[in-house]
């Protein structure tokens, strides 16, 4: 069953649900989790877990910062989110180096996270 934002058709109750950057981060988090599931079993509690937590952290920090915070607080959480996105990219480099993912998978998600980082940075700049 697909629980993506487009299939729920629920009214948007939380401020973060209106942010394209949050939806992009959420979609990427799900995709990264799928990529990590292909890593060797012995990586379950190390690299697989680390990349999943970092991808989830991007989503969670955007939501947490957006909800009931001042622009200054929101900007702080966006910086946390940006750091977590860079952590995902670093994990992708490790996975590529260890040949857990192909160059095509690496390139796809490198580019996706580069775009996401630009979105986060642009939103952060708009808060000033």
C-alpha atoms as a PDB file:
ATOM      1  CA  UNK A   1       0.000   0.000   0.000  1.00  0.00           C
ATOM      2  CA  UNK A   2       1.328   3.450  -0.939  1.00  0.00           C
ATOM      3  CA  UNK A   3       1.283   5.991   1.865  1.00  0.00           C
ATOM      4  CA  UNK A   4       2.871   8.751  -0.209  1.00  0.00           C
ATOM      5  CA  UNK A   5       1.581  12.280   0.259  1.00  0.00           C
ATOM      6  CA  UNK A   6      -0.243  12.303  -3.067  1.00  0.00           C
ATOM      7  CA  UNK A   7      -2.364   9.257  -2.232  1.00  0.00           C
ATOM      8  CA  UNK A   8      -3.616  10.315   1.205  1.00  0.00           C
ATOM      9  CA  UNK A   9      -5.841  13.222   0.148  1.00  0.00           C
ATOM     10  CA  UNK A  10      -5.957  14.457   3.721  1.00  0.00           C
ATOM     11  CA  UNK A  11      -6.167  18.124   4.609  1.00  0.00           C
ATOM     12  CA  UNK A  12      -2.738  19.512   5.408  1.00  0.00           C
ATOM     13  CA  UNK A  13      -2.801  20.086   9.155  1.00  0.00           C
ATOM     14  CA  UNK A  14       0.868  20.757   9.782  1.00  0.00           C
ATOM     15  CA  UNK A  15       2.828  23.663   8.372  1.00  0.00           C
ATOM     16  CA  UNK A  16       5.696  21.443   7.154  1.00  0.00           C
ATOM     17  CA  UNK A  17       3.303  19.481   4.920  1.00  0.00           C
ATOM     18  CA  UNK A  18       3.041  22.545   2.694  1.00  0.00           C
ATOM     19  CA  UNK A  19       6.804  22.605   2.055  1.00  0.00           C
ATOM     20  CA  UNK A  20       8.073  21.070  -1.181  1.00  0.00           C
ATOM     21  CA  UNK A  21      11.459  20.587   0.466  1.00  0.00           C
ATOM     22  CA  UNK A  22       9.877  18.412   3.161  1.00  0.00           C
ATOM     23  CA  UNK A  23       8.096  16.254   0.557  1.00  0.00           C
ATOM     24  CA  UNK A  24      11.319  15.886  -1.436  1.00  0.00           C
ATOM     25  CA  UNK A  25      13.228  14.874   1.710  1.00  0.00           C
ATOM     26  CA  UNK A  26      10.497  12.390   2.655  1.00  0.00           C
ATOM     27  CA  UNK A  27      10.504  10.767  -0.781  1.00  0.00           C
ATOM     28  CA  UNK A  28      14.297  10.510  -0.752  1.00  0.00           C
ATOM     29  CA  UNK A  29      14.267   9.017   2.740  1.00  0.00           C
ATOM     30  CA  UNK A  30      12.031   6.196   1.532  1.00  0.00           C
ATOM     31  CA  UNK A  31      14.216   5.640  -1.531  1.00  0.00           C
ATOM     32  CA  UNK A  32      17.438   5.632   0.503  1.00  0.00           C
ATOM     33  CA  UNK A  33      15.925   3.058   2.845  1.00  0.00           C
ATOM     34  CA  UNK A  34      15.287   0.829  -0.160  1.00  0.00           C
ATOM     35  CA  UNK A  35      18.863   1.331  -1.402  1.00  0.00           C
ATOM     36  CA  UNK A  36      20.238   0.489   2.055  1.00  0.00           C
ATOM     37  CA  UNK A  37      18.230  -2.732   2.118  1.00  0.00           C
ATOM     38  CA  UNK A  38      20.503  -4.004  -0.672  1.00  0.00           C
ATOM     39  CA  UNK A  39      23.657  -3.569   1.437  1.00  0.00           C
ATOM     40  CA  UNK A  40      25.262  -6.743   2.841  1.00  0.00           C
ATOM     41  CA  UNK A  41      23.598  -8.130   5.967  1.00  0.00           C
ATOM     42  CA  UNK A  42      26.677  -7.451   8.087  1.00  0.00           C
ATOM     43  CA  UNK A  43      26.137  -3.700   7.435  1.00  0.00           C
ATOM     44  CA  UNK A  44      22.662  -3.779   8.996  1.00  0.00           C
ATOM     45  CA  UNK A  45      23.749  -2.113  12.240  1.00  0.00           C
ATOM     46  CA  UNK A  46      26.405   0.108  10.727  1.00  0.00           C
ATOM     47  CA  UNK A  47      26.274   1.723   7.275  1.00  0.00           C
ATOM     48  CA  UNK A  48      22.700   0.637   6.475  1.00  0.00           C
ATOM     49  CA  UNK A  49      21.450   2.035   9.753  1.00  0.00           C
ATOM     50  CA  UNK A  50      23.563   5.196   9.479  1.00  0.00           C
ATOM     51  CA  UNK A  51      22.348   6.178   6.012  1.00  0.00           C
ATOM     52  CA  UNK A  52      18.712   5.512   6.956  1.00  0.00           C
ATOM     53  CA  UNK A  53      18.968   7.587  10.136  1.00  0.00           C
ATOM     54  CA  UNK A  54      20.664  10.448   8.280  1.00  0.00           C
ATOM     55  CA  UNK A  55      17.996  10.444   5.535  1.00  0.00           C
ATOM     56  CA  UNK A  56      15.228  10.378   8.152  1.00  0.00           C
ATOM     57  CA  UNK A  57      16.930  13.168  10.078  1.00  0.00           C
ATOM     58  CA  UNK A  58      16.659  15.498   7.084  1.00  0.00           C
ATOM     59  CA  UNK A  59      12.882  15.048   7.063  1.00  0.00           C
ATOM     60  CA  UNK A  60      12.497  15.238  10.834  1.00  0.00           C
ATOM     61  CA  UNK A  61      14.562  18.389  11.275  1.00  0.00           C
ATOM     62  CA  UNK A  62      12.630  20.245   8.578  1.00  0.00           C
ATOM     63  CA  UNK A  63       9.358  19.307  10.279  1.00  0.00           C
ATOM     64  CA  UNK A  64      10.556  20.065  13.783  1.00  0.00           C
ATOM     65  CA  UNK A  65      12.022  23.426  12.856  1.00  0.00           C
ATOM     66  CA  UNK A  66       8.995  24.501  10.863  1.00  0.00           C
ATOM     67  CA  UNK A  67       6.449  23.816  13.561  1.00  0.00           C
ATOM     68  CA  UNK A  68       5.841  26.654  15.972  1.00  0.00           C
ATOM     69  CA  UNK A  69       9.345  28.042  15.799  1.00  0.00           C
ATOM     70  CA  UNK A  70      10.725  31.492  15.081  1.00  0.00           C
ATOM     71  CA  UNK A  71      12.567  32.028  11.807  1.00  0.00           C
ATOM     72  CA  UNK A  72      15.826  31.924  13.748  1.00  0.00           C
ATOM     73  CA  UNK A  73      14.947  28.527  15.249  1.00  0.00           C
ATOM     74  CA  UNK A  74      13.695  27.229  11.907  1.00  0.00           C
ATOM     75  CA  UNK A  75      16.984  28.280  10.279  1.00  0.00           C
ATOM     76  CA  UNK A  76      18.900  26.371  12.961  1.00  0.00           C
ATOM     77  CA  UNK A  77      16.924  23.190  12.243  1.00  0.00           C
ATOM     78  CA  UNK A  78      17.408  23.674   8.505  1.00  0.00           C
ATOM     79  CA  UNK A  79      21.161  23.744   9.112  1.00  0.00           C
ATOM     80  CA  UNK A  80      20.833  20.439  11.008  1.00  0.00           C
ATOM     81  CA  UNK A  81      18.843  19.077   8.084  1.00  0.00           C
ATOM     82  CA  UNK A  82      21.523  20.201   5.650  1.00  0.00           C
ATOM     83  CA  UNK A  83      24.220  18.470   7.699  1.00  0.00           C
ATOM     84  CA  UNK A  84      22.207  15.248   7.690  1.00  0.00           C
ATOM     85  CA  UNK A  85      21.785  15.480   3.912  1.00  0.00           C
ATOM     86  CA  UNK A  86      25.564  15.802   3.544  1.00  0.00           C
ATOM     87  CA  UNK A  87      25.910  12.777   5.826  1.00  0.00           C
ATOM     88  CA  UNK A  88      23.720  10.785   3.423  1.00  0.00           C
ATOM     89  CA  UNK A  89      26.010  11.811   0.572  1.00  0.00           C
ATOM     90  CA  UNK A  90      29.057  10.710   2.569  1.00  0.00           C
ATOM     91  CA  UNK A  91      27.396   7.352   3.214  1.00  0.00           C
ATOM     92  CA  UNK A  92      26.747   7.044  -0.517  1.00  0.00           C
ATOM     93  CA  UNK A  93      30.461   7.563  -1.155  1.00  0.00           C
ATOM     94  CA  UNK A  94      31.272   4.800   1.336  1.00  0.00           C
ATOM     95  CA  UNK A  95      28.706   2.462  -0.225  1.00  0.00           C
ATOM     96  CA  UNK A  96      30.111   3.143  -3.691  1.00  0.00           C
ATOM     97  CA  UNK A  97      33.694   2.632  -2.514  1.00  0.00           C
ATOM     98  CA  UNK A  98      32.713  -0.692  -0.918  1.00  0.00           C
ATOM     99  CA  UNK A  99      30.848  -1.593  -4.154  1.00  0.00           C
ATOM    100  CA  UNK A 100      27.470  -1.924  -2.401  1.00  0.00           C
ATOM    101  CA  UNK A 101      25.901   0.382  -4.987  1.00  0.00           C
ATOM    102  CA  UNK A 102      26.550   0.974  -8.669  1.00  0.00           C
ATOM    103  CA  UNK A 103      27.883   4.210 -10.067  1.00  0.00           C
ATOM    104  CA  UNK A 104      24.426   4.838 -11.544  1.00  0.00           C
ATOM    105  CA  UNK A 105      22.724   4.568  -8.143  1.00  0.00           C
ATOM    106  CA  UNK A 106      25.444   6.717  -6.591  1.00  0.00           C
ATOM    107  CA  UNK A 107      25.100   9.401  -9.281  1.00  0.00           C
ATOM    108  CA  UNK A 108      21.305   9.438  -9.067  1.00  0.00           C
ATOM    109  CA  UNK A 109      21.238  10.017  -5.320  1.00  0.00           C
ATOM    110  CA  UNK A 110      24.261  12.311  -5.307  1.00  0.00           C
ATOM    111  CA  UNK A 111      22.384  14.565  -7.721  1.00  0.00           C
ATOM    112  CA  UNK A 112      19.097  14.226  -5.797  1.00  0.00           C
ATOM    113  CA  UNK A 113      20.757  15.227  -2.528  1.00  0.00           C
ATOM    114  CA  UNK A 114      22.667  18.044  -4.223  1.00  0.00           C
ATOM    115  CA  UNK A 115      19.296  19.392  -5.385  1.00  0.00           C
ATOM    116  CA  UNK A 116      17.768  18.863  -1.933  1.00  0.00           C
ATOM    117  CA  UNK A 117      20.662  20.729  -0.280  1.00  0.00           C
ATOM    118  CA  UNK A 118      20.064  23.657  -2.634  1.00  0.00           C
ATOM    119  CA  UNK A 119      16.363  23.621  -1.734  1.00  0.00           C
ATOM    120  CA  UNK A 120      17.160  23.617   1.990  1.00  0.00           C
ATOM    121  CA  UNK A 121      19.705  26.424   1.555  1.00  0.00           C
ATOM    122  CA  UNK A 122      17.276  28.512  -0.476  1.00  0.00           C
ATOM    123  CA  UNK A 123      14.569  28.102   2.175  1.00  0.00           C
ATOM    124  CA  UNK A 124      17.096  29.002   4.871  1.00  0.00           C
ATOM    125  CA  UNK A 125      18.085  32.159   2.957  1.00  0.00           C
ATOM    126  CA  UNK A 126      14.428  33.174   2.622  1.00  0.00           C
ATOM    127  CA  UNK A 127      14.098  33.230   6.402  1.00  0.00           C
ATOM    128  CA  UNK A 128      16.568  36.100   6.787  1.00  0.00           C
END
